[in-house]
N, C-alpha and C. Protein backbone atom coordinates (compact mmCIF):
# COMPACT_ATOMS: atom_id res chain seq x y z
N MET A 1 98.63 89.46 102.70
CA MET A 1 98.43 90.49 103.70
C MET A 1 98.15 89.79 105.04
N THR A 2 98.73 90.33 106.09
CA THR A 2 98.53 89.73 107.41
C THR A 2 97.11 90.03 107.92
N SER A 3 96.71 89.31 108.93
CA SER A 3 95.38 89.57 109.50
C SER A 3 95.31 90.97 110.11
N ARG A 4 96.41 91.43 110.73
CA ARG A 4 96.43 92.79 111.29
C ARG A 4 96.29 93.82 110.18
N GLU A 5 97.00 93.63 109.08
CA GLU A 5 96.89 94.56 107.94
C GLU A 5 95.47 94.57 107.39
N SER A 6 94.84 93.42 107.35
CA SER A 6 93.45 93.35 106.89
C SER A 6 92.53 94.13 107.82
N GLU A 7 92.76 94.01 109.12
CA GLU A 7 91.97 94.76 110.09
C GLU A 7 92.18 96.26 109.93
N VAL A 8 93.42 96.66 109.72
CA VAL A 8 93.72 98.08 109.52
C VAL A 8 93.05 98.58 108.24
N LEU A 9 93.15 97.81 107.17
CA LEU A 9 92.55 98.20 105.90
C LEU A 9 91.03 98.33 106.03
N GLU A 10 90.41 97.42 106.75
CA GLU A 10 88.97 97.49 106.98
C GLU A 10 88.61 98.78 107.72
N ALA A 11 89.39 99.11 108.73
CA ALA A 11 89.15 100.35 109.48
C ALA A 11 89.40 101.58 108.60
N MET A 12 90.39 101.50 107.71
CA MET A 12 90.64 102.59 106.76
C MET A 12 89.41 102.80 105.87
N ALA A 13 88.81 101.67 105.45
CA ALA A 13 87.63 101.75 104.60
C ALA A 13 86.47 102.43 105.32
N GLU A 14 86.47 102.33 106.63
CA GLU A 14 85.45 103.00 107.45
C GLU A 14 85.82 104.44 107.74
N ARG A 15 86.94 104.88 107.19
CA ARG A 15 87.42 106.26 107.29
C ARG A 15 87.84 106.65 108.71
N LEU A 16 88.31 105.67 109.48
CA LEU A 16 88.84 105.98 110.80
C LEU A 16 90.21 106.61 110.65
N SER A 17 90.56 107.51 111.55
CA SER A 17 91.90 108.09 111.58
C SER A 17 92.87 107.03 112.09
N ASN A 18 94.16 107.31 111.93
CA ASN A 18 95.16 106.38 112.47
C ASN A 18 94.97 106.18 113.96
N GLN A 19 94.67 107.26 114.68
CA GLN A 19 94.43 107.14 116.11
C GLN A 19 93.18 106.30 116.38
N GLY A 20 92.14 106.52 115.60
CA GLY A 20 90.91 105.74 115.76
C GLY A 20 91.13 104.27 115.49
N ILE A 21 91.95 103.98 114.48
CA ILE A 21 92.28 102.58 114.17
C ILE A 21 93.04 101.97 115.34
N GLY A 22 94.02 102.70 115.85
CA GLY A 22 94.80 102.21 116.99
C GLY A 22 93.94 101.91 118.20
N GLU A 23 93.01 102.82 118.48
CA GLU A 23 92.12 102.62 119.63
C GLU A 23 91.24 101.40 119.43
N ARG A 24 90.73 101.23 118.22
CA ARG A 24 89.86 100.07 117.95
C ARG A 24 90.63 98.77 118.09
N LEU A 25 91.88 98.75 117.59
CA LEU A 25 92.66 97.51 117.57
C LEU A 25 93.58 97.36 118.77
N PHE A 26 93.55 98.35 119.68
CA PHE A 26 94.38 98.32 120.88
C PHE A 26 95.87 98.24 120.55
N VAL A 27 96.28 99.07 119.58
CA VAL A 27 97.69 99.17 119.21
C VAL A 27 98.06 100.65 119.13
N SER A 28 99.35 100.93 119.09
CA SER A 28 99.82 102.31 119.01
C SER A 28 99.60 102.88 117.60
N VAL A 29 99.60 104.20 117.53
CA VAL A 29 99.50 104.87 116.23
C VAL A 29 100.69 104.47 115.36
N SER A 30 101.85 104.33 115.98
CA SER A 30 103.04 103.90 115.24
C SER A 30 102.84 102.53 114.60
N SER A 31 102.21 101.62 115.31
CA SER A 31 101.92 100.30 114.75
C SER A 31 100.95 100.39 113.58
N VAL A 32 99.98 101.27 113.71
CA VAL A 32 99.02 101.49 112.62
C VAL A 32 99.75 102.03 111.40
N GLU A 33 100.62 103.01 111.61
CA GLU A 33 101.36 103.61 110.50
C GLU A 33 102.25 102.58 109.81
N LYS A 34 102.86 101.71 110.57
CA LYS A 34 103.69 100.65 109.99
C LYS A 34 102.84 99.68 109.16
N ALA A 35 101.66 99.34 109.67
CA ALA A 35 100.77 98.43 108.93
C ALA A 35 100.31 99.09 107.63
N ILE A 36 99.97 100.37 107.70
CA ILE A 36 99.51 101.09 106.50
C ILE A 36 100.65 101.15 105.47
N SER A 37 101.85 101.44 105.92
CA SER A 37 102.99 101.48 105.02
C SER A 37 103.19 100.13 104.34
N SER A 38 103.07 99.07 105.11
CA SER A 38 103.22 97.72 104.57
C SER A 38 102.12 97.41 103.55
N ILE A 39 100.90 97.83 103.85
CA ILE A 39 99.78 97.63 102.92
C ILE A 39 100.08 98.34 101.60
N PHE A 40 100.49 99.60 101.68
CA PHE A 40 100.79 100.36 100.47
C PHE A 40 101.91 99.69 99.68
N ASP A 41 102.95 99.23 100.36
CA ASP A 41 104.06 98.55 99.67
C ASP A 41 103.58 97.29 98.97
N LYS A 42 102.80 96.48 99.67
CA LYS A 42 102.33 95.22 99.10
C LYS A 42 101.42 95.44 97.90
N LEU A 43 100.70 96.56 97.90
CA LEU A 43 99.80 96.86 96.79
C LEU A 43 100.47 97.70 95.71
N GLY A 44 101.72 98.06 95.92
CA GLY A 44 102.46 98.83 94.93
C GLY A 44 101.98 100.26 94.79
N LEU A 45 101.48 100.83 95.87
CA LEU A 45 100.97 102.21 95.86
C LEU A 45 102.05 103.15 96.34
N GLN A 46 102.50 104.02 95.48
CA GLN A 46 103.59 104.93 95.77
C GLN A 46 103.08 106.29 96.22
N ALA A 47 103.83 106.95 97.07
CA ALA A 47 103.51 108.32 97.49
C ALA A 47 103.60 109.22 96.27
N GLY A 48 102.78 110.24 96.27
CA GLY A 48 102.82 111.21 95.18
C GLY A 48 101.84 110.92 94.07
N GLU A 49 101.15 109.81 94.14
CA GLU A 49 100.13 109.53 93.13
C GLU A 49 99.00 110.53 93.30
N THR A 50 98.22 110.72 92.25
CA THR A 50 97.19 111.75 92.27
C THR A 50 95.97 111.37 93.09
N THR A 51 95.79 110.10 93.39
CA THR A 51 94.65 109.68 94.20
C THR A 51 95.11 109.34 95.61
N SER A 52 94.17 109.31 96.51
CA SER A 52 94.47 108.94 97.89
C SER A 52 94.93 107.49 97.93
N ARG A 53 96.09 107.26 98.51
CA ARG A 53 96.58 105.87 98.60
C ARG A 53 95.67 105.03 99.48
N GLY A 54 95.07 105.64 100.49
CA GLY A 54 94.15 104.88 101.35
C GLY A 54 92.95 104.39 100.56
N VAL A 55 92.37 105.27 99.76
CA VAL A 55 91.23 104.88 98.93
C VAL A 55 91.67 103.84 97.90
N ALA A 56 92.83 104.08 97.28
CA ALA A 56 93.34 103.14 96.27
C ALA A 56 93.58 101.76 96.89
N ALA A 57 94.08 101.72 98.12
CA ALA A 57 94.34 100.44 98.79
C ALA A 57 93.04 99.68 99.02
N VAL A 58 92.03 100.37 99.49
CA VAL A 58 90.74 99.73 99.74
C VAL A 58 90.16 99.20 98.42
N LEU A 59 90.22 100.02 97.38
CA LEU A 59 89.68 99.60 96.08
C LEU A 59 90.47 98.43 95.50
N ALA A 60 91.78 98.44 95.66
CA ALA A 60 92.60 97.34 95.15
C ALA A 60 92.24 96.03 95.84
N CYS A 61 92.05 96.08 97.15
CA CYS A 61 91.69 94.87 97.88
C CYS A 61 90.31 94.37 97.51
N LEU A 62 89.38 95.28 97.34
CA LEU A 62 88.04 94.87 96.92
C LEU A 62 88.08 94.22 95.54
N SER A 63 88.86 94.79 94.63
CA SER A 63 89.00 94.22 93.29
C SER A 63 89.61 92.82 93.35
N ARG A 64 90.62 92.65 94.18
CA ARG A 64 91.26 91.33 94.31
C ARG A 64 90.28 90.31 94.87
N GLU A 65 89.47 90.72 95.82
CA GLU A 65 88.50 89.79 96.41
C GLU A 65 87.46 89.35 95.37
N ARG A 66 87.17 90.24 94.44
CA ARG A 66 86.20 89.93 93.40
C ARG A 66 86.83 89.25 92.20
N GLY A 67 88.17 89.07 92.23
CA GLY A 67 88.86 88.42 91.14
C GLY A 67 89.11 89.32 89.95
N GLU A 68 89.01 90.64 90.16
CA GLU A 68 89.26 91.59 89.08
C GLU A 68 90.72 91.96 89.06
N LYS A 69 91.16 92.55 87.95
CA LYS A 69 92.53 93.05 87.86
C LYS A 69 92.59 94.50 88.14
């Protein structure tokens, strides 16, 4: 994951909106959306799953940092 994607994911964990993330990171909402899409792709999170992909992404990254599967 890129450093920008990590920053976006951290902001997602803080429950910021895409606009809020963009304002914090000084990027456009479109850039935030592209980063989020990339995060979901890298974590294998597909649209239509029963859980929030944003929450699932944060949990997946936390699990990876702890060495869990």
